[in-house]
Amino acid sequence: MRPSITVVGLGPAGDDLMAPGARALVLEAGTAFLRTSRHPAAAGLADVPSFDHHYEEAGTFEEVYDRIVADLVTAAQVAGAAGRAVVYAVPGSPLVAERTVDLLRQDPRVEVTMVPAVSFLDLAWARLCVDPVAVGARLVDGTRFTEHAAGQRGPLLVAQCWSPAILSEVKLAISDAMAEDTTATVLHHLGLPEEVVATVPWHELDRAVVPDHLTTVWLPAPGPTVAAEVVALDELARRLRADCPWDRRQTHTSLAPYLLEESYEVLDAIDGLGQAEGAGADARAGAAAGLEEELGDLLFQVCFHSRLAAEEGWFTLADVARGVHDKLVARHPHVFGDVVADDAATVVSNWEAIKKEEKGRESVTDGIPAALPALALAAKLQRKAASGAPSLADRPLTEVRAAAEAGLRALPASAVDPGEPPDPARAEMAGALLWAVTDLVRRAGIEPEDALRGAALRFRTAVRAAEGLEG
């Protein structure tokens, strides 16, 4: 059997919040350690050795945690040989913001058992009178705030705010996105006689208290939260499937036309947003509201398909969100890893290489949906070939023009009988003509699908003008 380590939570404050039996478990152990003696509940455990010396000697917190784990594993191996377990006492609860416990659980050399306890989170929600599930609260490490939460405006509970410098970094990371009247709540020494719960203006965050390892900040959301609203939308899909006869009959296949229709309506709304550029504020606001509505319709399609899949036991909306999140992280090693990409072309090249490896694809054309509109399909194939098979994609411009001229010669000068079957040779040359024109447009840096749609809409406007109608 592997050597055993029992991790005991000491609770968030003094003895009164320590779990029954926790103190005895530590004191009666043959071998016991405190992560730190700098915690109120450790006052009655003065004879138990701590790992405070690592905090004083190591250069980084990660190095501290690695040293603590190494010491614990060694102690467990020695104690295990004598048939004993090691007891390791940590502030709060073992599974809340305890990096050493995470590392121990991942270590194959030891068996880890945990004795849970009240954590600082329980006190924080009680003092704030907040249900974290209802508001979609997120716990963030203050020492990594810029990395994990910059740009988010709440609801956030920011822990590990143990120095003025950390509070300043938290404040500055999102100050530009804050309204002037934004406030935050500083939670300091919860559960102790000197407890402070103070709501302060955001710009005074780093001046409200002298922070230490028992300081946390709460930043409520200024309005509806992403988590809460998406959960409500998922619940709506569930309710419709249960109570609406039409929704109960739907399948992935029956919903496909609606998904396509909603996608095109989003594109129309984006076009409307572009047309509103340079117009008045009311026009831009109206176009933005239209895009918001159409994105909502498209999002509901994602929710509904995810609900159907959940009913089959395949996946949920959360699985969809987590999957695309993890995929995008993996495909941005220049953001989340150590890969260097100084320009967009390098990013695209890395993306394609990673995607090809992920999917096990042999060709750069694998995975391109054949159901794409023909013009979009042609442009995408040309772009992919340019990155993966340049000998096919990089034809001289004279050859492109020759293909276009050949296509023009092959097509009849006047309309043919619509009942007459198309001539295969002519159809092939017509395809070559369209392909060549698409290639010319793409090489000019213009999206062929957008260019043709613009021309069609201008033609529609001209026809309506000729009819004496408004555009």
Protein backbone atom coordinates (compact mmCIF):
# COMPACT_ATOMS: atom_id res chain seq x y z
CA MET A 1 0.00 0.00 0.00
CA ARG A 2 1.09 3.54 -0.66
CA PRO A 3 2.03 5.77 2.29
CA SER A 4 -0.94 7.77 3.55
CA ILE A 5 -1.43 11.49 4.17
CA THR A 6 -4.57 12.78 5.88
CA VAL A 7 -5.30 16.42 5.08
CA VAL A 8 -7.25 18.27 7.78
CA GLY A 9 -8.97 21.62 7.28
CA LEU A 10 -8.56 24.04 10.20
CA GLY A 11 -11.47 26.26 9.20
CA PRO A 12 -11.38 29.92 8.14
CA ALA A 13 -10.77 31.64 11.47
CA GLY A 14 -10.54 30.67 15.15
CA ASP A 15 -11.26 27.56 17.21
CA ASP A 16 -15.02 28.12 17.17
CA LEU A 17 -15.15 27.41 13.41
CA MET A 18 -12.84 24.40 13.47
CA ALA A 19 -14.51 21.07 12.72
CA PRO A 20 -15.10 18.84 15.79
CA GLY A 21 -12.18 16.48 16.27
CA ALA A 22 -9.85 18.31 13.89
CA ARG A 23 -7.56 19.58 16.65
CA ALA A 24 -7.38 16.15 18.30
CA LEU A 25 -6.61 14.50 14.96
CA VAL A 26 -3.60 16.79 14.51
CA LEU A 27 -2.33 16.61 18.08
CA GLU A 28 -2.68 12.84 18.40
CA ALA A 29 -0.95 12.05 15.12
CA GLY A 30 2.48 10.53 15.32
CA THR A 31 3.64 12.82 12.52
CA ALA A 32 1.83 16.09 11.79
CA PHE A 33 2.56 19.33 9.95
CA LEU A 34 0.95 22.74 9.49
CA ARG A 35 1.15 24.40 6.09
CA THR A 36 1.58 27.65 8.00
CA SER A 37 1.42 28.77 11.60
CA ARG A 38 0.21 32.18 10.40
CA HIS A 39 -3.45 31.27 10.79
CA PRO A 40 -5.76 31.96 13.76
CA ALA A 41 -6.71 28.29 14.21
CA ALA A 42 -3.03 27.32 14.49
CA ALA A 43 -2.67 29.18 17.79
CA GLY A 44 -3.40 26.06 19.84
CA LEU A 45 -1.07 23.92 17.74
CA ALA A 46 2.19 25.65 18.59
CA ASP A 47 4.10 22.40 19.05
CA VAL A 48 3.21 21.16 15.55
CA PRO A 49 5.95 21.96 13.00
CA SER A 50 5.03 24.15 10.06
CA PHE A 51 6.41 24.84 6.60
CA ASP A 52 6.79 28.57 7.17
CA HIS A 53 10.52 28.33 6.49
CA HIS A 54 9.83 27.46 2.86
CA TYR A 55 7.89 30.71 2.43
CA GLU A 56 10.92 32.60 3.74
CA GLU A 57 13.52 30.77 1.65
CA ALA A 58 11.90 29.98 -1.72
CA GLY A 59 11.80 32.44 -4.59
CA THR A 60 8.25 31.72 -5.83
CA PHE A 61 5.04 30.31 -4.40
CA GLU A 62 5.18 27.38 -6.81
CA GLU A 63 8.61 26.53 -5.45
CA VAL A 64 7.20 26.72 -1.91
CA TYR A 65 4.42 24.30 -2.80
CA ASP A 66 6.81 21.87 -4.50
CA ARG A 67 9.07 21.84 -1.43
CA ILE A 68 6.14 21.26 0.93
CA VAL A 69 4.92 18.31 -1.14
CA ALA A 70 8.42 16.83 -1.30
CA ASP A 71 8.75 17.05 2.49
CA LEU A 72 5.30 15.54 3.04
CA VAL A 73 5.95 12.61 0.71
CA THR A 74 9.27 11.86 2.40
CA ALA A 75 7.64 12.03 5.85
CA ALA A 76 4.79 9.79 4.69
CA GLN A 77 7.24 7.19 3.37
CA VAL A 78 9.07 7.12 6.71
CA ALA A 79 5.83 7.01 8.72
CA GLY A 80 4.34 4.42 6.41
CA ALA A 81 7.20 2.05 7.08
CA ALA A 82 6.17 2.18 10.75
CA GLY A 83 2.50 1.68 9.90
CA ARG A 84 1.51 5.28 10.56
CA ALA A 85 -0.09 8.05 8.49
CA VAL A 86 0.98 11.68 8.26
CA VAL A 87 -1.53 14.40 9.15
CA TYR A 88 -1.25 17.67 7.22
CA ALA A 89 -3.30 20.65 8.49
CA VAL A 90 -4.22 23.49 6.15
CA PRO A 91 -6.18 26.73 6.64
CA GLY A 92 -9.83 26.62 5.64
CA SER A 93 -10.97 23.54 3.76
CA PRO A 94 -8.56 21.18 1.94
CA LEU A 95 -10.15 21.60 -1.50
CA VAL A 96 -10.57 25.38 -1.54
CA ALA A 97 -7.59 27.31 -2.94
CA GLU A 98 -5.06 24.78 -1.60
CA ARG A 99 -2.39 24.25 -4.24
CA THR A 100 -0.34 21.83 -2.11
CA VAL A 101 -3.37 19.56 -1.76
CA ASP A 102 -3.85 19.59 -5.54
CA LEU A 103 -0.24 18.55 -5.99
CA LEU A 104 -0.50 15.82 -3.34
CA ARG A 105 -3.60 14.34 -4.98
CA GLN A 106 -1.74 14.16 -8.28
CA ASP A 107 1.31 12.47 -6.73
CA PRO A 108 1.23 8.69 -7.36
CA ARG A 109 3.58 8.00 -4.42
CA VAL A 110 1.01 8.72 -1.70
CA GLU A 111 -2.62 8.05 -0.83
CA VAL A 112 -4.47 11.20 0.23
CA THR A 113 -7.51 11.33 2.52
CA MET A 114 -9.25 14.62 3.30
CA VAL A 115 -11.17 15.83 6.34
CA PRO A 116 -13.35 18.73 5.10
CA ALA A 117 -13.99 21.91 7.03
CA VAL A 118 -15.74 25.25 6.81
CA SER A 119 -13.91 27.47 4.30
CA PHE A 120 -13.64 31.23 3.98
CA LEU A 121 -16.18 30.93 1.15
CA ASP A 122 -18.93 29.95 3.57
CA LEU A 123 -18.27 33.05 5.67
CA ALA A 124 -18.00 35.28 2.60
CA TRP A 125 -21.39 34.26 1.16
CA ALA A 126 -22.99 34.64 4.61
CA ARG A 127 -21.60 38.14 5.12
CA LEU A 128 -22.49 39.21 1.58
CA CYS A 129 -25.95 37.58 1.73
CA VAL A 130 -25.24 36.13 -1.72
CA ASP A 131 -26.18 32.78 -3.25
CA PRO A 132 -23.13 32.15 -5.47
CA VAL A 133 -25.02 29.70 -7.68
CA ALA A 134 -27.90 32.08 -8.32
CA VAL A 135 -25.62 34.95 -9.36
CA GLY A 136 -23.03 32.84 -11.19
CA ALA A 137 -20.17 33.97 -8.98
CA ARG A 138 -16.62 33.05 -9.92
CA LEU A 139 -13.72 32.56 -7.51
CA VAL A 140 -10.48 34.15 -8.75
CA ASP A 141 -6.95 34.11 -7.36
CA GLY A 142 -5.86 37.72 -6.80
CA THR A 143 -2.24 36.86 -7.55
CA ARG A 144 -3.31 35.80 -11.06
CA PHE A 145 -6.14 38.25 -11.57
CA THR A 146 -4.79 39.85 -14.74
CA GLU A 147 -4.43 36.43 -16.33
CA HIS A 148 -7.76 34.97 -15.23
CA ALA A 149 -10.24 37.81 -14.91
CA ALA A 150 -9.05 41.02 -16.56
CA GLY A 151 -11.92 42.60 -18.49
CA GLN A 152 -14.57 40.84 -16.42
CA ARG A 153 -16.69 43.08 -14.25
CA GLY A 154 -18.24 40.54 -11.90
CA PRO A 155 -19.56 38.82 -10.03
CA LEU A 156 -16.10 37.89 -8.79
CA LEU A 157 -14.82 36.82 -5.40
CA VAL A 158 -11.12 37.61 -5.46
CA ALA A 159 -9.11 35.63 -2.90
CA GLN A 160 -5.41 35.73 -1.96
CA CYS A 161 -5.40 39.53 -1.80
CA TRP A 162 -2.63 39.52 0.80
CA SER A 163 -0.71 42.68 -0.15
CA PRO A 164 -1.42 46.28 -1.22
CA ALA A 165 0.38 45.55 -4.50
CA ILE A 166 -2.08 42.77 -5.34
CA LEU A 167 -5.06 44.99 -4.57
CA SER A 168 -3.58 47.69 -6.79
CA GLU A 169 -3.08 45.23 -9.66
CA VAL A 170 -6.67 44.01 -9.31
CA LYS A 171 -7.96 47.57 -9.32
CA LEU A 172 -5.92 48.70 -12.32
CA ALA A 173 -6.62 45.56 -14.37
CA ILE A 174 -10.25 46.51 -14.96
CA SER A 175 -10.51 50.17 -13.97
CA ASP A 176 -11.04 51.28 -17.58
CA ALA A 177 -14.18 49.13 -17.81
CA MET A 178 -15.69 50.40 -14.57
CA ALA A 179 -18.36 53.03 -14.17
CA GLU A 180 -17.47 55.90 -11.86
CA ASP A 181 -19.92 54.71 -9.19
CA THR A 182 -18.66 51.10 -9.13
CA THR A 183 -18.10 49.72 -5.65
CA ALA A 184 -16.46 46.61 -4.21
CA THR A 185 -16.72 44.92 -0.83
CA VAL A 186 -13.56 44.18 1.11
CA LEU A 187 -13.81 41.12 3.40
CA HIS A 188 -11.05 41.11 6.00
CA HIS A 189 -10.43 38.67 8.90
CA LEU A 190 -13.85 37.02 8.55
CA GLY A 191 -14.92 35.15 11.68
CA LEU A 192 -12.48 37.00 13.93
CA PRO A 193 -13.24 39.78 16.46
CA GLU A 194 -11.55 42.37 14.22
CA GLU A 195 -13.61 41.33 11.15
CA VAL A 196 -14.11 44.04 8.50
CA VAL A 197 -16.80 44.00 5.80
CA ALA A 198 -16.58 47.34 4.01
CA THR A 199 -18.09 48.52 0.74
CA VAL A 200 -15.76 51.03 -0.90
CA PRO A 201 -15.52 52.91 -4.22
CA TRP A 202 -13.52 50.92 -6.75
CA HIS A 203 -10.79 53.56 -6.99
CA GLU A 204 -10.17 53.23 -3.22
CA LEU A 205 -9.89 49.44 -3.24
CA ASP A 206 -6.20 49.34 -2.33
CA ARG A 207 -6.65 51.88 0.48
CA ALA A 208 -9.59 50.35 2.37
CA VAL A 209 -7.61 48.05 4.70
CA VAL A 210 -4.08 46.85 5.33
CA PRO A 211 -4.44 43.47 3.60
CA ASP A 212 -2.99 40.12 4.61
CA HIS A 213 -3.58 36.42 3.89
CA LEU A 214 -7.15 36.73 5.27
CA THR A 215 -8.28 39.46 2.84
CA THR A 216 -10.79 38.88 0.03
CA VAL A 217 -12.61 41.25 -2.35
CA TRP A 218 -16.14 40.88 -3.72
CA LEU A 219 -17.02 42.57 -7.00
CA PRO A 220 -20.74 42.19 -7.80
CA ALA A 221 -21.97 42.21 -11.38
CA PRO A 222 -23.28 45.58 -12.61
CA GLY A 223 -26.10 43.82 -14.47
CA PRO A 224 -27.17 40.40 -15.75
CA THR A 225 -24.34 37.86 -15.64
CA VAL A 226 -23.27 35.61 -18.48
CA ALA A 227 -23.53 32.50 -16.33
CA ALA A 228 -26.99 33.26 -14.97
CA GLU A 229 -28.46 34.21 -18.35
CA VAL A 230 -27.05 31.18 -20.18
CA VAL A 231 -28.34 28.89 -17.42
CA ALA A 232 -31.79 30.51 -17.79
CA LEU A 233 -31.70 29.95 -21.57
CA ASP A 234 -30.73 26.31 -21.10
CA GLU A 235 -33.60 25.91 -18.63
CA LEU A 236 -35.97 27.49 -21.17
CA ALA A 237 -34.95 24.90 -23.77
CA ARG A 238 -35.63 22.14 -21.23
CA ARG A 239 -39.07 23.59 -20.41
CA LEU A 240 -40.04 23.91 -24.07
CA ARG A 241 -39.06 20.31 -24.73
CA ALA A 242 -41.21 19.23 -21.81
CA ASP A 243 -44.32 21.35 -22.36
CA CYS A 244 -44.53 22.48 -26.01
CA PRO A 245 -45.91 19.93 -28.54
CA TRP A 246 -43.99 21.49 -31.43
CA ASP A 247 -40.67 21.59 -29.59
CA ARG A 248 -41.13 17.99 -28.40
CA ARG A 249 -41.29 16.81 -32.04
CA GLN A 250 -38.03 18.44 -33.11
CA THR A 251 -34.83 16.57 -33.95
CA HIS A 252 -31.34 17.69 -34.94
CA THR A 253 -32.34 17.11 -38.58
CA SER A 254 -35.64 19.00 -38.40
CA LEU A 255 -33.90 21.96 -36.76
CA ALA A 256 -31.11 22.18 -39.36
CA PRO A 257 -32.98 24.60 -41.70
CA TYR A 258 -33.62 26.95 -38.77
CA LEU A 259 -29.94 26.92 -37.83
CA LEU A 260 -29.03 27.90 -41.38
CA GLU A 261 -31.72 30.58 -41.50
CA GLU A 262 -30.64 32.10 -38.20
CA SER A 263 -27.01 32.12 -39.37
CA TYR A 264 -27.96 34.09 -42.48
CA GLU A 265 -30.01 36.51 -40.40
CA VAL A 266 -26.93 37.17 -38.26
CA LEU A 267 -25.01 37.93 -41.46
CA ASP A 268 -27.75 40.35 -42.53
CA ALA A 269 -27.55 42.06 -39.15
CA ILE A 270 -23.77 42.38 -39.51
CA ASP A 271 -24.29 43.96 -42.94
CA GLY A 272 -26.77 46.35 -41.34
CA LEU A 273 -24.18 47.28 -38.75
CA GLY A 274 -21.68 48.07 -41.51
CA GLN A 275 -24.23 50.20 -43.36
CA ALA A 276 -24.90 52.16 -40.18
CA GLU A 277 -21.25 53.24 -39.94
CA GLY A 278 -21.10 57.00 -40.35
CA ALA A 279 -24.82 57.35 -39.68
CA GLY A 280 -26.34 58.87 -36.58
CA ALA A 281 -26.17 57.37 -33.12
CA ASP A 282 -29.78 56.19 -33.33
CA ALA A 283 -29.06 54.26 -36.54
CA ARG A 284 -25.99 52.59 -35.06
CA ALA A 285 -27.85 51.71 -31.87
CA GLY A 286 -30.70 50.22 -33.91
CA ALA A 287 -28.27 48.14 -35.98
CA ALA A 288 -26.49 46.95 -32.84
CA ALA A 289 -29.83 45.97 -31.28
CA GLY A 290 -30.65 44.02 -34.42
CA LEU A 291 -27.36 42.13 -34.22
CA GLU A 292 -27.95 41.42 -30.52
CA GLU A 293 -31.36 39.92 -31.31
CA GLU A 294 -30.11 37.75 -34.16
CA LEU A 295 -27.15 36.48 -32.12
CA GLY A 296 -29.66 35.54 -29.44
CA ASP A 297 -31.68 33.52 -31.94
CA LEU A 298 -28.52 31.76 -33.09
CA LEU A 299 -27.44 31.09 -29.51
CA PHE A 300 -30.79 29.48 -28.78
CA GLN A 301 -30.23 27.10 -31.68
CA VAL A 302 -27.00 26.01 -29.97
CA CYS A 303 -28.87 25.62 -26.66
CA PHE A 304 -31.67 23.60 -28.28
CA HIS A 305 -29.31 21.21 -30.08
CA SER A 306 -27.38 20.78 -26.83
CA ARG A 307 -30.63 20.02 -24.98
CA LEU A 308 -31.52 17.31 -27.52
CA ALA A 309 -28.05 15.82 -27.09
CA ALA A 310 -28.36 15.93 -23.28
CA GLU A 311 -31.62 14.00 -23.49
CA GLU A 312 -29.75 11.28 -25.39
CA GLY A 313 -26.96 11.30 -22.80
CA TRP A 314 -24.38 12.51 -25.34
CA PHE A 315 -23.30 15.94 -24.08
CA THR A 316 -24.62 19.11 -22.46
CA LEU A 317 -24.36 22.83 -23.16
CA ALA A 318 -21.61 22.97 -20.52
CA ASP A 319 -19.69 20.28 -22.43
CA VAL A 320 -20.02 22.32 -25.63
CA ALA A 321 -18.72 25.47 -23.93
CA ARG A 322 -15.87 23.67 -22.20
CA GLY A 323 -14.90 21.85 -25.39
CA VAL A 324 -14.61 24.98 -27.51
CA HIS A 325 -12.84 26.80 -24.67
CA ASP A 326 -10.19 24.09 -24.35
CA LYS A 327 -9.82 23.83 -28.12
CA LEU A 328 -9.23 27.55 -28.52
CA VAL A 329 -6.69 27.56 -25.70
CA ALA A 330 -4.82 24.69 -27.38
CA ARG A 331 -4.87 26.49 -30.73
CA HIS A 332 -3.45 29.71 -29.29
CA PRO A 333 -0.07 28.56 -27.95
CA HIS A 334 1.24 32.07 -28.63
CA VAL A 335 -1.21 33.35 -25.99
CA PHE A 336 -1.36 30.48 -23.48
CA GLY A 337 2.01 28.84 -24.12
CA ASP A 338 5.55 29.69 -25.12
CA VAL A 339 5.12 29.77 -28.91
CA VAL A 340 6.07 33.07 -30.58
CA ALA A 341 3.74 34.48 -33.25
CA ASP A 342 4.38 38.10 -34.18
CA ASP A 343 1.94 38.37 -37.09
CA ALA A 344 -1.45 37.08 -38.19
CA ALA A 345 0.01 34.86 -40.92
CA THR A 346 2.04 32.91 -38.36
CA VAL A 347 -1.02 32.53 -36.16
CA VAL A 348 -3.02 31.09 -39.07
CA SER A 349 -0.19 28.73 -40.04
CA ASN A 350 0.15 27.45 -36.46
CA TRP A 351 -3.63 27.08 -36.21
CA GLU A 352 -3.79 24.89 -39.32
CA ALA A 353 -0.88 22.72 -38.18
CA ILE A 354 -2.43 22.17 -34.73
CA LYS A 355 -5.85 21.49 -36.23
CA LYS A 356 -4.44 18.97 -38.70
CA GLU A 357 -2.66 17.12 -35.88
CA GLU A 358 -5.74 17.19 -33.62
CA LYS A 359 -8.06 15.79 -36.27
CA GLY A 360 -5.58 13.34 -37.77
CA ARG A 361 -6.25 14.82 -41.19
CA GLU A 362 -4.19 13.97 -44.23
CA SER A 363 -5.28 16.79 -46.52
CA VAL A 364 -5.71 20.51 -45.91
CA THR A 365 -9.12 20.11 -47.55
CA ASP A 366 -10.34 17.58 -44.99
CA GLY A 367 -13.07 18.96 -42.78
CA ILE A 368 -14.27 21.65 -45.20
CA PRO A 369 -18.08 21.23 -45.33
CA ALA A 370 -19.20 20.35 -48.84
CA ALA A 371 -22.58 21.91 -47.97
CA LEU A 372 -21.09 25.40 -47.95
CA PRO A 373 -22.50 27.78 -50.58
CA ALA A 374 -20.54 27.12 -53.76
CA LEU A 375 -18.80 30.50 -53.81
CA ALA A 376 -17.76 30.21 -50.17
CA LEU A 377 -16.64 26.60 -50.75
CA ALA A 378 -14.46 27.64 -53.69
CA ALA A 379 -12.84 30.50 -51.75
CA LYS A 380 -12.16 28.30 -48.72
CA LEU A 381 -10.62 25.53 -50.82
CA GLN A 382 -8.40 28.08 -52.53
CA ARG A 383 -7.26 29.54 -49.21
CA LYS A 384 -6.56 26.11 -47.74
CA ALA A 385 -4.66 25.02 -50.85
CA ALA A 386 -2.58 28.19 -50.68
CA SER A 387 -1.37 27.16 -47.21
CA GLY A 388 -1.02 23.41 -47.76
CA ALA A 389 -0.60 22.74 -51.47
CA PRO A 390 0.83 25.88 -53.10
CA SER A 391 1.68 24.03 -56.29
CA LEU A 392 -2.07 23.68 -56.91
CA ALA A 393 -3.14 27.04 -55.58
CA ASP A 394 -0.46 29.37 -56.90
CA ARG A 395 -1.24 29.25 -60.58
CA PRO A 396 0.11 32.12 -62.67
CA LEU A 397 -2.37 34.90 -63.19
CA THR A 398 -2.21 34.39 -66.97
CA GLU A 399 -3.56 30.84 -66.52
CA VAL A 400 -6.40 32.16 -64.38
CA ARG A 401 -7.31 34.69 -67.04
CA ALA A 402 -7.06 32.01 -69.75
CA ALA A 403 -9.54 29.84 -67.83
CA ALA A 404 -11.90 32.79 -67.57
CA GLU A 405 -11.65 33.52 -71.32
CA ALA A 406 -12.22 29.87 -72.17
CA GLY A 407 -15.30 29.83 -69.97
CA LEU A 408 -16.66 32.93 -71.71
CA ARG A 409 -16.15 31.36 -75.16
CA ALA A 410 -17.86 28.13 -74.10
CA LEU A 411 -21.02 29.80 -72.90
CA PRO A 412 -23.76 30.71 -75.39
CA ALA A 413 -24.30 34.34 -76.25
CA SER A 414 -28.07 34.11 -75.77
CA ALA A 415 -30.34 32.35 -73.32
CA VAL A 416 -31.02 28.66 -73.90
CA ASP A 417 -34.29 26.81 -73.51
CA PRO A 418 -34.72 26.30 -69.75
CA GLY A 419 -36.17 22.85 -70.44
CA GLU A 420 -33.04 21.76 -72.31
CA PRO A 421 -30.59 19.71 -70.19
CA PRO A 422 -27.29 21.54 -69.64
CA ASP A 423 -24.39 20.54 -71.82
CA PRO A 424 -21.78 18.83 -69.53
CA ALA A 425 -18.85 20.47 -71.28
CA ARG A 426 -20.41 23.90 -70.99
CA ALA A 427 -21.26 23.29 -67.34
CA GLU A 428 -17.64 22.36 -66.68
CA MET A 429 -16.35 25.47 -68.41
CA ALA A 430 -18.88 27.63 -66.56
CA GLY A 431 -17.54 26.18 -63.33
CA ALA A 432 -13.99 26.97 -64.45
CA LEU A 433 -15.05 30.54 -65.20
CA LEU A 434 -16.63 31.02 -61.77
CA TRP A 435 -13.66 29.35 -60.09
CA ALA A 436 -11.22 31.65 -61.88
CA VAL A 437 -13.18 34.78 -61.04
CA THR A 438 -13.38 33.66 -57.41
CA ASP A 439 -9.62 33.16 -57.39
CA LEU A 440 -8.97 36.59 -58.87
CA VAL A 441 -11.21 38.27 -56.30
CA ARG A 442 -9.71 36.31 -53.40
CA ARG A 443 -6.17 37.17 -54.46
CA ALA A 444 -7.18 40.83 -54.38
CA GLY A 445 -7.93 40.47 -50.67
CA ILE A 446 -11.71 40.56 -51.12
CA GLU A 447 -14.10 37.93 -49.78
CA PRO A 448 -15.89 36.64 -52.91
CA GLU A 449 -19.11 35.77 -51.07
CA ASP A 450 -19.35 39.29 -49.64
CA ALA A 451 -18.50 40.91 -52.97
CA LEU A 452 -21.18 38.99 -54.84
CA ARG A 453 -23.77 39.59 -52.12
CA GLY A 454 -23.00 43.31 -52.28
CA ALA A 455 -23.43 43.33 -56.05
CA ALA A 456 -26.74 41.45 -55.74
CA LEU A 457 -28.06 43.89 -53.17
CA ARG A 458 -27.04 46.87 -55.30
CA PHE A 459 -28.83 45.27 -58.26
CA ARG A 460 -31.92 44.78 -56.11
CA THR A 461 -31.80 48.47 -55.15
CA ALA A 462 -31.47 49.45 -58.82
CA VAL A 463 -34.45 47.28 -59.81
CA ARG A 464 -36.61 48.79 -57.09
CA ALA A 465 -35.55 52.29 -58.18
CA ALA A 466 -36.54 51.44 -61.76
CA GLU A 467 -39.92 50.30 -60.41
CA GLY A 468 -40.32 53.63 -58.63
CA LEU A 469 -39.91 52.05 -55.19
CA GLU A 470 -37.65 52.98 -52.31
CA GLY A 471 -34.47 50.92 -51.88
